[in-house]
Amino acid sequence: MSPLCVLGIPKNNPCNVTTTPVYVENQGCKSGQLVNITSCSGACGTSTFYSAEMSSLQHTCSCCQELATSERQIQLSCPDNTEVTYTYTHIDACGCLKTECSAPGNGAMTSPASSKPHRRKR
């Protein structure tokens, strides 16, 4: 019997593209207006459960990260009255992708033998 994930992703904060308006600066040159810079943020499914079949804890992890990107260009104004073209990566879509789960502490997992039931003779 495999366990079901009862606790899910919080509905109020799913993984999605977020936008932050900022002035872009590079090597002393600056954008004349705010640029919408994108990032990925929000909740993804992560769980730990005990598997009697495997006699150990099983981990499922996913990370909110980019699924699709595109290159964007903007003009930056420099102090010497010149303009330069600046290219940056724009996030078009985000999603939850599987990732490795790491164990707490030194990275060692609990030995499956220590979690098996002990039997003794009567």
PDB file of N, CA and C in Angstrom:
ATOM      1  N   MET A   1       0.848  -1.184   0.000  1.00  0.00           N
ATOM      2  CA  MET A   1       0.000   0.000   0.000  1.00  0.00           C
ATOM      3  C   MET A   1       0.888   1.239   0.000  1.00  0.00           C
ATOM      4  N   SER A   2       0.727   2.079  -0.965  1.00  0.00           N
ATOM      5  CA  SER A   2       1.551   3.287  -1.020  1.00  0.00           C
ATOM      6  C   SER A   2       0.806   4.443  -0.375  1.00  0.00           C
ATOM      7  N   PRO A   3       1.526   5.287   0.383  1.00  0.00           N
ATOM      8  CA  PRO A   3       0.884   6.401   1.082  1.00  0.00           C
ATOM      9  C   PRO A   3       0.463   7.502   0.106  1.00  0.00           C
ATOM     10  N   LEU A   4      -0.567   8.206   0.469  1.00  0.00           N
ATOM     11  CA  LEU A   4      -1.026   9.340  -0.316  1.00  0.00           C
ATOM     12  C   LEU A   4      -0.567  10.631   0.345  1.00  0.00           C
ATOM     13  N   CYS A   5      -0.301  11.613  -0.462  1.00  0.00           N
ATOM     14  CA  CYS A   5       0.105  12.910   0.080  1.00  0.00           C
ATOM     15  C   CYS A   5      -1.149  13.654   0.517  1.00  0.00           C
ATOM     16  N   VAL A   6      -1.304  13.820   1.811  1.00  0.00           N
ATOM     17  CA  VAL A   6      -2.484  14.484   2.352  1.00  0.00           C
ATOM     18  C   VAL A   6      -2.273  15.991   2.380  1.00  0.00           C
ATOM     19  N   LEU A   7      -1.066  16.398   2.784  1.00  0.00           N
ATOM     20  CA  LEU A   7      -0.775  17.821   2.826  1.00  0.00           C
ATOM     21  C   LEU A   7      -0.306  18.268   1.455  1.00  0.00           C
ATOM     22  N   GLY A   8      -0.918  19.278   0.906  1.00  0.00           N
ATOM     23  CA  GLY A   8      -0.575  19.722  -0.438  1.00  0.00           C
ATOM     24  C   GLY A   8       0.015  21.105  -0.453  1.00  0.00           C
ATOM     25  N   ILE A   9       0.065  21.664  -1.631  1.00  0.00           N
ATOM     26  CA  ILE A   9       0.590  23.007  -1.841  1.00  0.00           C
ATOM     27  C   ILE A   9      -0.434  24.016  -1.315  1.00  0.00           C
ATOM     28  N   PRO A  10       0.011  25.001  -0.528  1.00  0.00           N
ATOM     29  CA  PRO A  10      -0.936  26.024  -0.086  1.00  0.00           C
ATOM     30  C   PRO A  10      -1.571  26.720  -1.288  1.00  0.00           C
ATOM     31  N   LYS A  11      -2.872  26.777  -1.304  1.00  0.00           N
ATOM     32  CA  LYS A  11      -3.593  27.339  -2.447  1.00  0.00           C
ATOM     33  C   LYS A  11      -3.349  28.839  -2.623  1.00  0.00           C
ATOM     34  N   ASN A  12      -2.967  29.515  -1.533  1.00  0.00           N
ATOM     35  CA  ASN A  12      -2.800  30.966  -1.618  1.00  0.00           C
ATOM     36  C   ASN A  12      -1.429  31.390  -2.136  1.00  0.00           C
ATOM     37  N   ASN A  13      -0.489  30.451  -2.321  1.00  0.00           N
ATOM     38  CA  ASN A  13       0.839  30.833  -2.779  1.00  0.00           C
ATOM     39  C   ASN A  13       1.477  29.758  -3.667  1.00  0.00           C
ATOM     40  N   PRO A  14       0.837  29.415  -4.805  1.00  0.00           N
ATOM     41  CA  PRO A  14       1.435  28.416  -5.685  1.00  0.00           C
ATOM     42  C   PRO A  14       2.633  28.996  -6.446  1.00  0.00           C
ATOM     43  N   CYS A  15       3.490  28.111  -6.934  1.00  0.00           N
ATOM     44  CA  CYS A  15       4.659  28.512  -7.719  1.00  0.00           C
ATOM     45  C   CYS A  15       4.204  29.278  -8.961  1.00  0.00           C
ATOM     46  N   ASN A  16       4.769  30.472  -9.157  1.00  0.00           N
ATOM     47  CA  ASN A  16       4.349  31.311 -10.275  1.00  0.00           C
ATOM     48  C   ASN A  16       5.408  32.357 -10.589  1.00  0.00           C
ATOM     49  N   VAL A  17       5.253  33.037 -11.717  1.00  0.00           N
ATOM     50  CA  VAL A  17       6.133  34.144 -12.090  1.00  0.00           C
ATOM     51  C   VAL A  17       5.737  35.371 -11.289  1.00  0.00           C
ATOM     52  N   THR A  18       6.724  36.015 -10.674  1.00  0.00           N
ATOM     53  CA  THR A  18       6.480  37.281  -9.993  1.00  0.00           C
ATOM     54  C   THR A  18       7.309  38.357 -10.683  1.00  0.00           C
ATOM     55  N   THR A  19       6.822  39.568 -10.651  1.00  0.00           N
ATOM     56  CA  THR A  19       7.471  40.681 -11.334  1.00  0.00           C
ATOM     57  C   THR A  19       7.838  41.768 -10.339  1.00  0.00           C
ATOM     58  N   THR A  20       9.068  42.281 -10.478  1.00  0.00           N
ATOM     59  CA  THR A  20       9.538  43.368  -9.630  1.00  0.00           C
ATOM     60  C   THR A  20      10.066  44.486 -10.522  1.00  0.00           C
ATOM     61  N   PRO A  21       9.466  45.674 -10.455  1.00  0.00           N
ATOM     62  CA  PRO A  21       9.981  46.790 -11.257  1.00  0.00           C
ATOM     63  C   PRO A  21      11.241  47.386 -10.613  1.00  0.00           C
ATOM     64  N   VAL A  22      12.327  47.441 -11.377  1.00  0.00           N
ATOM     65  CA  VAL A  22      13.598  47.983 -10.877  1.00  0.00           C
ATOM     66  C   VAL A  22      14.269  48.808 -11.969  1.00  0.00           C
ATOM     67  N   TYR A  23      15.167  49.694 -11.556  1.00  0.00           N
ATOM     68  CA  TYR A  23      16.050  50.364 -12.500  1.00  0.00           C
ATOM     69  C   TYR A  23      17.248  49.455 -12.698  1.00  0.00           C
ATOM     70  N   VAL A  24      17.555  49.131 -13.937  1.00  0.00           N
ATOM     71  CA  VAL A  24      18.677  48.246 -14.228  1.00  0.00           C
ATOM     72  C   VAL A  24      19.932  49.083 -14.379  1.00  0.00           C
ATOM     73  N   GLU A  25      21.006  48.669 -13.683  1.00  0.00           N
ATOM     74  CA  GLU A  25      22.298  49.345 -13.777  1.00  0.00           C
ATOM     75  C   GLU A  25      23.362  48.333 -14.165  1.00  0.00           C
ATOM     76  N   ASN A  26      24.269  48.760 -15.058  1.00  0.00           N
ATOM     77  CA  ASN A  26      25.372  47.903 -15.462  1.00  0.00           C
ATOM     78  C   ASN A  26      26.552  48.771 -15.883  1.00  0.00           C
ATOM     79  N   GLN A  27      27.661  48.585 -15.222  1.00  0.00           N
ATOM     80  CA  GLN A  27      28.905  49.296 -15.515  1.00  0.00           C
ATOM     81  C   GLN A  27      28.698  50.807 -15.588  1.00  0.00           C
ATOM     82  N   GLY A  28      27.958  51.352 -14.620  1.00  0.00           N
ATOM     83  CA  GLY A  28      27.745  52.795 -14.533  1.00  0.00           C
ATOM     84  C   GLY A  28      26.624  53.324 -15.402  1.00  0.00           C
ATOM     85  N   CYS A  29      26.050  52.493 -16.246  1.00  0.00           N
ATOM     86  CA  CYS A  29      24.938  52.901 -17.118  1.00  0.00           C
ATOM     87  C   CYS A  29      23.630  52.436 -16.489  1.00  0.00           C
ATOM     88  N   LYS A  30      22.538  53.208 -16.714  1.00  0.00           N
ATOM     89  CA  LYS A  30      21.282  52.943 -16.018  1.00  0.00           C
ATOM     90  C   LYS A  30      20.097  53.086 -16.968  1.00  0.00           C
ATOM     91  N   SER A  31      19.062  52.265 -16.724  1.00  0.00           N
ATOM     92  CA  SER A  31      17.836  52.370 -17.523  1.00  0.00           C
ATOM     93  C   SER A  31      17.111  53.661 -17.168  1.00  0.00           C
ATOM     94  N   GLY A  32      16.481  54.281 -18.144  1.00  0.00           N
ATOM     95  CA  GLY A  32      15.760  55.530 -17.925  1.00  0.00           C
ATOM     96  C   GLY A  32      14.409  55.322 -17.275  1.00  0.00           C
ATOM     97  N   GLN A  33      13.925  54.117 -17.329  1.00  0.00           N
ATOM     98  CA  GLN A  33      12.628  53.817 -16.723  1.00  0.00           C
ATOM     99  C   GLN A  33      12.685  52.474 -16.010  1.00  0.00           C
ATOM    100  N   LEU A  34      11.676  52.186 -15.210  1.00  0.00           N
ATOM    101  CA  LEU A  34      11.619  50.920 -14.491  1.00  0.00           C
ATOM    102  C   LEU A  34      11.468  49.755 -15.466  1.00  0.00           C
ATOM    103  N   VAL A  35      12.163  48.667 -15.172  1.00  0.00           N
ATOM    104  CA  VAL A  35      12.111  47.451 -15.991  1.00  0.00           C
ATOM    105  C   VAL A  35      11.502  46.351 -15.126  1.00  0.00           C
ATOM    106  N   ASN A  36      10.546  45.610 -15.683  1.00  0.00           N
ATOM    107  CA  ASN A  36       9.913  44.516 -14.952  1.00  0.00           C
ATOM    108  C   ASN A  36      10.810  43.276 -14.996  1.00  0.00           C
ATOM    109  N   ILE A  37      11.514  43.019 -13.895  1.00  0.00           N
ATOM    110  CA  ILE A  37      12.379  41.856 -13.773  1.00  0.00           C
ATOM    111  C   ILE A  37      11.560  40.729 -13.144  1.00  0.00           C
ATOM    112  N   THR A  38      11.657  39.544 -13.717  1.00  0.00           N
ATOM    113  CA  THR A  38      10.843  38.422 -13.271  1.00  0.00           C
ATOM    114  C   THR A  38      11.650  37.438 -12.423  1.00  0.00           C
ATOM    115  N   SER A  39      10.926  36.707 -11.583  1.00  0.00           N
ATOM    116  CA  SER A  39      11.517  35.640 -10.770  1.00  0.00           C
ATOM    117  C   SER A  39      10.439  34.588 -10.533  1.00  0.00           C
ATOM    118  N   CYS A  40      10.856  33.440 -10.028  1.00  0.00           N
ATOM    119  CA  CYS A  40       9.915  32.378  -9.673  1.00  0.00           C
ATOM    120  C   CYS A  40       9.834  32.304  -8.160  1.00  0.00           C
ATOM    121  N   SER A  41       8.624  32.231  -7.642  1.00  0.00           N
ATOM    122  CA  SER A  41       8.462  32.052  -6.202  1.00  0.00           C
ATOM    123  C   SER A  41       7.113  31.407  -5.926  1.00  0.00           C
ATOM    124  N   GLY A  42       7.042  30.748  -4.784  1.00  0.00           N
ATOM    125  CA  GLY A  42       5.810  30.091  -4.379  1.00  0.00           C
ATOM    126  C   GLY A  42       6.075  28.686  -3.904  1.00  0.00           C
ATOM    127  N   ALA A  43       5.018  28.023  -3.500  1.00  0.00           N
ATOM    128  CA  ALA A  43       5.126  26.706  -2.883  1.00  0.00           C
ATOM    129  C   ALA A  43       5.088  25.584  -3.909  1.00  0.00           C
ATOM    130  N   CYS A  44       5.840  24.533  -3.607  1.00  0.00           N
ATOM    131  CA  CYS A  44       5.827  23.292  -4.384  1.00  0.00           C
ATOM    132  C   CYS A  44       5.680  22.133  -3.404  1.00  0.00           C
ATOM    133  N   GLY A  45       5.272  20.999  -3.906  1.00  0.00           N
ATOM    134  CA  GLY A  45       5.054  19.838  -3.055  1.00  0.00           C
ATOM    135  C   GLY A  45       6.352  19.228  -2.557  1.00  0.00           C
ATOM    136  N   THR A  46       6.456  19.066  -1.271  1.00  0.00           N
ATOM    137  CA  THR A  46       7.582  18.405  -0.634  1.00  0.00           C
ATOM    138  C   THR A  46       7.014  17.573   0.514  1.00  0.00           C
ATOM    139  N   SER A  47       7.441  16.300   0.586  1.00  0.00           N
ATOM    140  CA  SER A  47       6.908  15.456   1.654  1.00  0.00           C
ATOM    141  C   SER A  47       7.900  14.377   2.052  1.00  0.00           C
ATOM    142  N   THR A  48       7.697  13.832   3.227  1.00  0.00           N
ATOM    143  CA  THR A  48       8.459  12.702   3.738  1.00  0.00           C
ATOM    144  C   THR A  48       7.454  11.736   4.336  1.00  0.00           C
ATOM    145  N   PHE A  49       7.626  10.453   4.027  1.00  0.00           N
ATOM    146  CA  PHE A  49       6.742   9.447   4.599  1.00  0.00           C
ATOM    147  C   PHE A  49       7.519   8.163   4.841  1.00  0.00           C
ATOM    148  N   TYR A  50       7.030   7.369   5.765  1.00  0.00           N
ATOM    149  CA  TYR A  50       7.671   6.096   6.065  1.00  0.00           C
ATOM    150  C   TYR A  50       7.105   5.024   5.141  1.00  0.00           C
ATOM    151  N   SER A  51       7.977   4.253   4.516  1.00  0.00           N
ATOM    152  CA  SER A  51       7.574   3.158   3.660  1.00  0.00           C
ATOM    153  C   SER A  51       7.933   1.848   4.352  1.00  0.00           C
ATOM    154  N   ALA A  52       6.919   1.057   4.702  1.00  0.00           N
ATOM    155  CA  ALA A  52       7.166  -0.241   5.326  1.00  0.00           C
ATOM    156  C   ALA A  52       7.831  -1.178   4.328  1.00  0.00           C
ATOM    157  N   GLU A  53       7.481  -1.018   3.050  1.00  0.00           N
ATOM    158  CA  GLU A  53       8.071  -1.828   1.987  1.00  0.00           C
ATOM    159  C   GLU A  53       9.587  -1.637   1.911  1.00  0.00           C
ATOM    160  N   MET A  54      10.034  -0.387   2.025  1.00  0.00           N
ATOM    161  CA  MET A  54      11.453  -0.062   1.926  1.00  0.00           C
ATOM    162  C   MET A  54      12.124  -0.012   3.300  1.00  0.00           C
ATOM    163  N   SER A  55      11.339  -0.075   4.357  1.00  0.00           N
ATOM    164  CA  SER A  55      11.827   0.041   5.734  1.00  0.00           C
ATOM    165  C   SER A  55      12.639   1.313   5.956  1.00  0.00           C
ATOM    166  N   SER A  56      12.173   2.393   5.357  1.00  0.00           N
ATOM    167  CA  SER A  56      12.882   3.667   5.509  1.00  0.00           C
ATOM    168  C   SER A  56      11.962   4.831   5.173  1.00  0.00           C
ATOM    169  N   LEU A  57      12.467   6.026   5.462  1.00  0.00           N
ATOM    170  CA  LEU A  57      11.742   7.241   5.095  1.00  0.00           C
ATOM    171  C   LEU A  57      11.967   7.523   3.614  1.00  0.00           C
ATOM    172  N   GLN A  58      10.905   7.897   2.928  1.00  0.00           N
ATOM    173  CA  GLN A  58      10.983   8.249   1.510  1.00  0.00           C
ATOM    174  C   GLN A  58      10.719   9.745   1.377  1.00  0.00           C
ATOM    175  N   HIS A  59      11.500  10.409   0.541  1.00  0.00           N
ATOM    176  CA  HIS A  59      11.401  11.863   0.383  1.00  0.00           C
ATOM    177  C   HIS A  59      10.992  12.214  -1.043  1.00  0.00           C
ATOM    178  N   THR A  60      10.106  13.185  -1.150  1.00  0.00           N
ATOM    179  CA  THR A  60       9.719  13.719  -2.444  1.00  0.00           C
ATOM    180  C   THR A  60       9.894  15.235  -2.360  1.00  0.00           C
ATOM    181  N   CYS A  61      10.711  15.790  -3.240  1.00  0.00           N
ATOM    182  CA  CYS A  61      10.979  17.222  -3.217  1.00  0.00           C
ATOM    183  C   CYS A  61      10.795  17.819  -4.608  1.00  0.00           C
ATOM    184  N   SER A  62      10.281  19.026  -4.651  1.00  0.00           N
ATOM    185  CA  SER A  62      10.223  19.764  -5.913  1.00  0.00           C
ATOM    186  C   SER A  62      10.530  21.230  -5.626  1.00  0.00           C
ATOM    187  N   CYS A  63      11.019  21.897  -6.634  1.00  0.00           N
ATOM    188  CA  CYS A  63      11.517  23.258  -6.493  1.00  0.00           C
ATOM    189  C   CYS A  63      10.813  24.175  -7.478  1.00  0.00           C
ATOM    190  N   CYS A  64      10.438  25.366  -7.040  1.00  0.00           N
ATOM    191  CA  CYS A  64       9.813  26.366  -7.902  1.00  0.00           C
ATOM    192  C   CYS A  64      10.921  27.017  -8.728  1.00  0.00           C
ATOM    193  N   GLN A  65      10.918  26.741 -10.046  1.00  0.00           N
ATOM    194  CA  GLN A  65      11.955  27.306 -10.910  1.00  0.00           C
ATOM    195  C   GLN A  65      11.438  27.548 -12.320  1.00  0.00           C
ATOM    196  N   GLU A  66      12.274  28.175 -13.135  1.00  0.00           N
ATOM    197  CA  GLU A  66      11.856  28.567 -14.476  1.00  0.00           C
ATOM    198  C   GLU A  66      11.619  27.363 -15.380  1.00  0.00           C
ATOM    199  N   LEU A  67      10.553  27.446 -16.188  1.00  0.00           N
ATOM    200  CA  LEU A  67      10.254  26.428 -17.184  1.00  0.00           C
ATOM    201  C   LEU A  67      10.547  26.960 -18.590  1.00  0.00           C
ATOM    202  N   ALA A  68      10.383  28.275 -18.773  1.00  0.00           N
ATOM    203  CA  ALA A  68      10.632  28.893 -20.077  1.00  0.00           C
ATOM    204  C   ALA A  68      11.192  30.306 -19.869  1.00  0.00           C
ATOM    205  N   THR A  69      12.207  30.656 -20.657  1.00  0.00           N
ATOM    206  CA  THR A  69      12.818  31.984 -20.576  1.00  0.00           C
ATOM    207  C   THR A  69      12.986  32.558 -21.978  1.00  0.00           C
ATOM    208  N   SER A  70      13.211  33.851 -22.034  1.00  0.00           N
ATOM    209  CA  SER A  70      13.516  34.517 -23.299  1.00  0.00           C
ATOM    210  C   SER A  70      14.512  35.636 -23.026  1.00  0.00           C
ATOM    211  N   GLU A  71      15.233  36.021 -24.048  1.00  0.00           N
ATOM    212  CA  GLU A  71      16.193  37.119 -23.923  1.00  0.00           C
ATOM    213  C   GLU A  71      15.473  38.427 -24.227  1.00  0.00           C
ATOM    214  N   ARG A  72      15.724  39.419 -23.413  1.00  0.00           N
ATOM    215  CA  ARG A  72      15.152  40.751 -23.620  1.00  0.00           C
ATOM    216  C   ARG A  72      16.286  41.762 -23.693  1.00  0.00           C
ATOM    217  N   GLN A  73      16.050  42.830 -24.432  1.00  0.00           N
ATOM    218  CA  GLN A  73      17.052  43.889 -24.548  1.00  0.00           C
ATOM    219  C   GLN A  73      16.443  45.222 -24.153  1.00  0.00           C
ATOM    220  N   ILE A  74      17.256  46.028 -23.452  1.00  0.00           N
ATOM    221  CA  ILE A  74      16.852  47.382 -23.086  1.00  0.00           C
ATOM    222  C   ILE A  74      18.021  48.324 -23.340  1.00  0.00           C
ATOM    223  N   GLN A  75      17.738  49.596 -23.418  1.00  0.00           N
ATOM    224  CA  GLN A  75      18.781  50.611 -23.590  1.00  0.00           C
ATOM    225  C   GLN A  75      19.127  51.207 -22.235  1.00  0.00           C
ATOM    226  N   LEU A  76      20.424  51.298 -21.965  1.00  0.00           N
ATOM    227  CA  LEU A  76      20.904  51.930 -20.743  1.00  0.00           C
ATOM    228  C   LEU A  76      21.617  53.222 -21.113  1.00  0.00           C
ATOM    229  N   SER A  77      21.365  54.280 -20.347  1.00  0.00           N
ATOM    230  CA  SER A  77      22.030  55.574 -20.565  1.00  0.00           C
ATOM    231  C   SER A  77      23.268  55.648 -19.691  1.00  0.00           C
ATOM    232  N   CYS A  78      24.368  56.085 -20.288  1.00  0.00           N
ATOM    233  CA  CYS A  78      25.641  56.165 -19.586  1.00  0.00           C
ATOM    234  C   CYS A  78      25.973  57.618 -19.231  1.00  0.00           C
ATOM    235  N   PRO A  79      26.837  57.829 -18.222  1.00  0.00           N
ATOM    236  CA  PRO A  79      27.199  59.181 -17.796  1.00  0.00           C
ATOM    237  C   PRO A  79      27.826  60.034 -18.909  1.00  0.00           C
ATOM    238  N   ASP A  80      28.444  59.391 -19.917  1.00  0.00           N
ATOM    239  CA  ASP A  80      29.082  60.155 -21.007  1.00  0.00           C
ATOM    240  C   ASP A  80      28.113  60.437 -22.159  1.00  0.00           C
ATOM    241  N   ASN A  81      26.786  60.360 -21.873  1.00  0.00           N
ATOM    242  CA  ASN A  81      25.713  60.634 -22.829  1.00  0.00           C
ATOM    243  C   ASN A  81      25.634  59.645 -23.984  1.00  0.00           C
ATOM    244  N   THR A  82      26.169  58.442 -23.803  1.00  0.00           N
ATOM    245  CA  THR A  82      26.008  57.384 -24.798  1.00  0.00           C
ATOM    246  C   THR A  82      24.981  56.394 -24.280  1.00  0.00           C
ATOM    247  N   GLU A  83      24.516  55.531 -25.159  1.00  0.00           N
ATOM    248  CA  GLU A  83      23.590  54.477 -24.774  1.00  0.00           C
ATOM    249  C   GLU A  83      24.189  53.132 -25.151  1.00  0.00           C
ATOM    250  N   VAL A  84      23.929  52.134 -24.327  1.00  0.00           N
ATOM    251  CA  VAL A  84      24.368  50.777 -24.620  1.00  0.00           C
ATOM    252  C   VAL A  84      23.157  49.846 -24.538  1.00  0.00           C
ATOM    253  N   THR A  85      23.197  48.791 -25.336  1.00  0.00           N
ATOM    254  CA  THR A  85      22.138  47.791 -25.301  1.00  0.00           C
ATOM    255  C   THR A  85      22.511  46.736 -24.265  1.00  0.00           C
ATOM    256  N   TYR A  86      21.595  46.452 -23.368  1.00  0.00           N
ATOM    257  CA  TYR A  86      21.817  45.476 -22.312  1.00  0.00           C
ATOM    258  C   TYR A  86      20.846  44.322 -22.525  1.00  0.00           C
ATOM    259  N   THR A  87      21.356  43.096 -22.494  1.00  0.00           N
ATOM    260  CA  THR A  87      20.531  41.900 -22.670  1.00  0.00           C
ATOM    261  C   THR A  87      20.405  41.172 -21.339  1.00  0.00           C
ATOM    262  N   TYR A  88      19.180  40.792 -20.999  1.00  0.00           N
ATOM    263  CA  TYR A  88      18.943  40.045 -19.756  1.00  0.00           C
ATOM    264  C   TYR A  88      17.960  38.911 -20.018  1.00  0.00           C
ATOM    265  N   THR A  89      17.886  37.990 -19.078  1.00  0.00           N
ATOM    266  CA  THR A  89      16.997  36.835 -19.203  1.00  0.00           C
ATOM    267  C   THR A  89      15.673  37.122 -18.509  1.00  0.00           C
ATOM    268  N   HIS A  90      14.587  36.990 -19.266  1.00  0.00           N
ATOM    269  CA  HIS A  90      13.229  37.199 -18.766  1.00  0.00           C
ATOM    270  C   HIS A  90      12.592  35.826 -18.550  1.00  0.00           C
ATOM    271  N   ILE A  91      11.986  35.599 -17.379  1.00  0.00           N
ATOM    272  CA  ILE A  91      11.308  34.332 -17.101  1.00  0.00           C
ATOM    273  C   ILE A  91       9.879  34.421 -17.622  1.00  0.00           C
ATOM    274  N   ASP A  92       9.535  33.503 -18.528  1.00  0.00           N
ATOM    275  CA  ASP A  92       8.201  33.479 -19.122  1.00  0.00           C
ATOM    276  C   ASP A  92       7.232  32.580 -18.359  1.00  0.00           C
ATOM    277  N   ALA A  93       7.741  31.488 -17.765  1.00  0.00           N
ATOM    278  CA  ALA A  93       6.881  30.549 -17.038  1.00  0.00           C
ATOM    279  C   ALA A  93       7.675  29.864 -15.934  1.00  0.00           C
ATOM    280  N   CYS A  94       6.985  29.579 -14.826  1.00  0.00           N
ATOM    281  CA  CYS A  94       7.586  28.872 -13.687  1.00  0.00           C
ATOM    282  C   CYS A  94       6.763  27.633 -13.385  1.00  0.00           C
ATOM    283  N   GLY A  95       7.402  26.672 -12.743  1.00  0.00           N
ATOM    284  CA  GLY A  95       6.691  25.473 -12.339  1.00  0.00           C
ATOM    285  C   GLY A  95       7.488  24.697 -11.318  1.00  0.00           C
ATOM    286  N   CYS A  96       6.873  23.657 -10.789  1.00  0.00           N
ATOM    287  CA  CYS A  96       7.522  22.804  -9.784  1.00  0.00           C
ATOM    288  C   CYS A  96       8.226  21.647 -10.485  1.00  0.00           C
ATOM    289  N   LEU A  97       9.541  21.570 -10.321  1.00  0.00           N
ATOM    290  CA  LEU A  97      10.329  20.500 -10.914  1.00  0.00           C
ATOM    291  C   LEU A  97      10.949  19.658  -9.818  1.00  0.00           C
ATOM    292  N   LYS A  98      11.007  18.344 -10.036  1.00  0.00           N
ATOM    293  CA  LYS A  98      11.603  17.438  -9.045  1.00  0.00           C
ATOM    294  C   LYS A  98      13.064  17.793  -8.825  1.00  0.00           C
ATOM    295  N   THR A  99      13.492  17.646  -7.585  1.00  0.00           N
ATOM    296  CA  THR A  99      14.875  17.913  -7.224  1.00  0.00           C
ATOM    297  C   THR A  99      15.303  16.906  -6.164  1.00  0.00           C
ATOM    298  N   GLU A 100      16.597  16.836  -5.892  1.00  0.00           N
ATOM    299  CA  GLU A 100      17.116  15.928  -4.871  1.00  0.00           C
ATOM    300  C   GLU A 100      16.797  16.467  -3.481  1.00  0.00           C
ATOM    301  N   CYS A 101      16.389  15.587  -2.602  1.00  0.00           N
ATOM    302  CA  CYS A 101      16.193  15.942  -1.196  1.00  0.00           C
ATOM    303  C   CYS A 101      17.482  15.607  -0.457  1.00  0.00           C
ATOM    304  N   SER A 102      17.907  16.457   0.447  1.00  0.00           N
ATOM    305  CA  SER A 102      19.099  16.138   1.236  1.00  0.00           C
ATOM    306  C   SER A 102      18.680  15.829   2.661  1.00  0.00           C
ATOM    307  N   ALA A 103      19.425  14.944   3.274  1.00  0.00           N
ATOM    308  CA  ALA A 103      19.138  14.541   4.652  1.00  0.00           C
ATOM    309  C   ALA A 103      19.662  15.601   5.606  1.00  0.00           C
ATOM    310  N   PRO A 104      19.009  15.783   6.757  1.00  0.00           N
ATOM    311  CA  PRO A 104      19.497  16.758   7.733  1.00  0.00           C
ATOM    312  C   PRO A 104      20.830  16.319   8.331  1.00  0.00           C
ATOM    313  N   GLY A 105      21.557  17.248   8.866  1.00  0.00           N
ATOM    314  CA  GLY A 105      22.828  16.941   9.542  1.00  0.00           C
ATOM    315  C   GLY A 105      23.938  16.649   8.552  1.00  0.00           C
ATOM    316  N   ASN A 106      24.599  15.512   8.725  1.00  0.00           N
ATOM    317  CA  ASN A 106      25.766  15.198   7.908  1.00  0.00           C
ATOM    318  C   ASN A 106      25.417  14.538   6.583  1.00  0.00           C
ATOM    319  N   GLY A 107      24.138  14.407   6.272  1.00  0.00           N
ATOM    320  CA  GLY A 107      23.745  13.821   5.008  1.00  0.00           C
ATOM    321  C   GLY A 107      23.545  12.318   5.072  1.00  0.00           C
ATOM    322  N   ALA A 108      23.820  11.696   6.209  1.00  0.00           N
ATOM    323  CA  ALA A 108      23.648  10.252   6.335  1.00  0.00           C
ATOM    324  C   ALA A 108      22.193   9.932   6.656  1.00  0.00           C
ATOM    325  N   MET A 109      21.688   8.901   6.019  1.00  0.00           N
ATOM    326  CA  MET A 109      20.321   8.473   6.259  1.00  0.00           C
ATOM    327  C   MET A 109      20.308   7.455   7.400  1.00  0.00           C
ATOM    328  N   THR A 110      19.181   7.351   8.087  1.00  0.00           N
ATOM    329  CA  THR A 110      19.039   6.357   9.141  1.00  0.00           C
ATOM    330  C   THR A 110      19.083   4.976   8.519  1.00  0.00           C
ATOM    331  N   SER A 111      19.774   4.074   9.135  1.00  0.00           N
ATOM    332  CA  SER A 111      19.899   2.710   8.625  1.00  0.00           C
ATOM    333  C   SER A 111      18.547   2.019   8.647  1.00  0.00           C
ATOM    334  N   PRO A 112      18.142   1.378   7.534  1.00  0.00           N
ATOM    335  CA  PRO A 112      16.861   0.676   7.517  1.00  0.00           C
ATOM    336  C   PRO A 112      16.797  -0.427   8.562  1.00  0.00           C
ATOM    337  N   ALA A 113      17.922  -1.053   8.909  1.00  0.00           N
ATOM    338  CA  ALA A 113      17.930  -2.133   9.890  1.00  0.00           C
ATOM    339  C   ALA A 113      17.478  -1.653  11.261  1.00  0.00           C
ATOM    340  N   SER A 114      17.759  -0.414  11.606  1.00  0.00           N
ATOM    341  CA  SER A 114      17.404   0.090  12.928  1.00  0.00           C
ATOM    342  C   SER A 114      15.909   0.323  13.075  1.00  0.00           C
ATOM    343  N   SER A 115      15.171   0.354  11.963  1.00  0.00           N
ATOM    344  CA  SER A 115      13.743   0.605  12.057  1.00  0.00           C
ATOM    345  C   SER A 115      12.910  -0.661  11.905  1.00  0.00           C
ATOM    346  N   LYS A 116      13.555  -1.838  11.781  1.00  0.00           N
ATOM    347  CA  LYS A 116      12.818  -3.094  11.670  1.00  0.00           C
ATOM    348  C   LYS A 116      12.390  -3.552  13.065  1.00  0.00           C
ATOM    349  N   PRO A 117      11.241  -4.224  13.147  1.00  0.00           N
ATOM    350  CA  PRO A 117      10.796  -4.710  14.455  1.00  0.00           C
ATOM    351  C   PRO A 117      11.721  -5.813  14.957  1.00  0.00           C
ATOM    352  N   HIS A 118      11.947  -5.848  16.254  1.00  0.00           N
ATOM    353  CA  HIS A 118      12.797  -6.863  16.876  1.00  0.00           C
ATOM    354  C   HIS A 118      11.900  -7.952  17.441  1.00  0.00           C
ATOM    355  N   ARG A 119      12.243  -9.205  17.173  1.00  0.00           N
ATOM    356  CA  ARG A 119      11.466 -10.323  17.711  1.00  0.00           C
ATOM    357  C   ARG A 119      12.322 -11.074  18.702  1.00  0.00           C
ATOM    358  N   ARG A 120      11.670 -11.575  19.740  1.00  0.00           N
ATOM    359  CA  ARG A 120      12.386 -12.376  20.698  1.00  0.00           C
ATOM    360  C   ARG A 120      11.597 -13.650  20.971  1.00  0.00           C
ATOM    361  N   LYS A 121      12.314 -14.640  21.357  1.00  0.00           N
ATOM    362  CA  LYS A 121      11.682 -15.932  21.619  1.00  0.00           C
ATOM    363  C   LYS A 121      10.978 -15.893  22.965  1.00  0.00           C
ATOM    364  N   ARG A 122       9.875 -16.644  23.075  1.00  0.00           N
ATOM    365  CA  ARG A 122       9.129 -16.722  24.331  1.00  0.00           C
ATOM    366  C   ARG A 122       9.517 -17.928  25.124  1.00  0.00           C
TER     367      ARG A 122
END
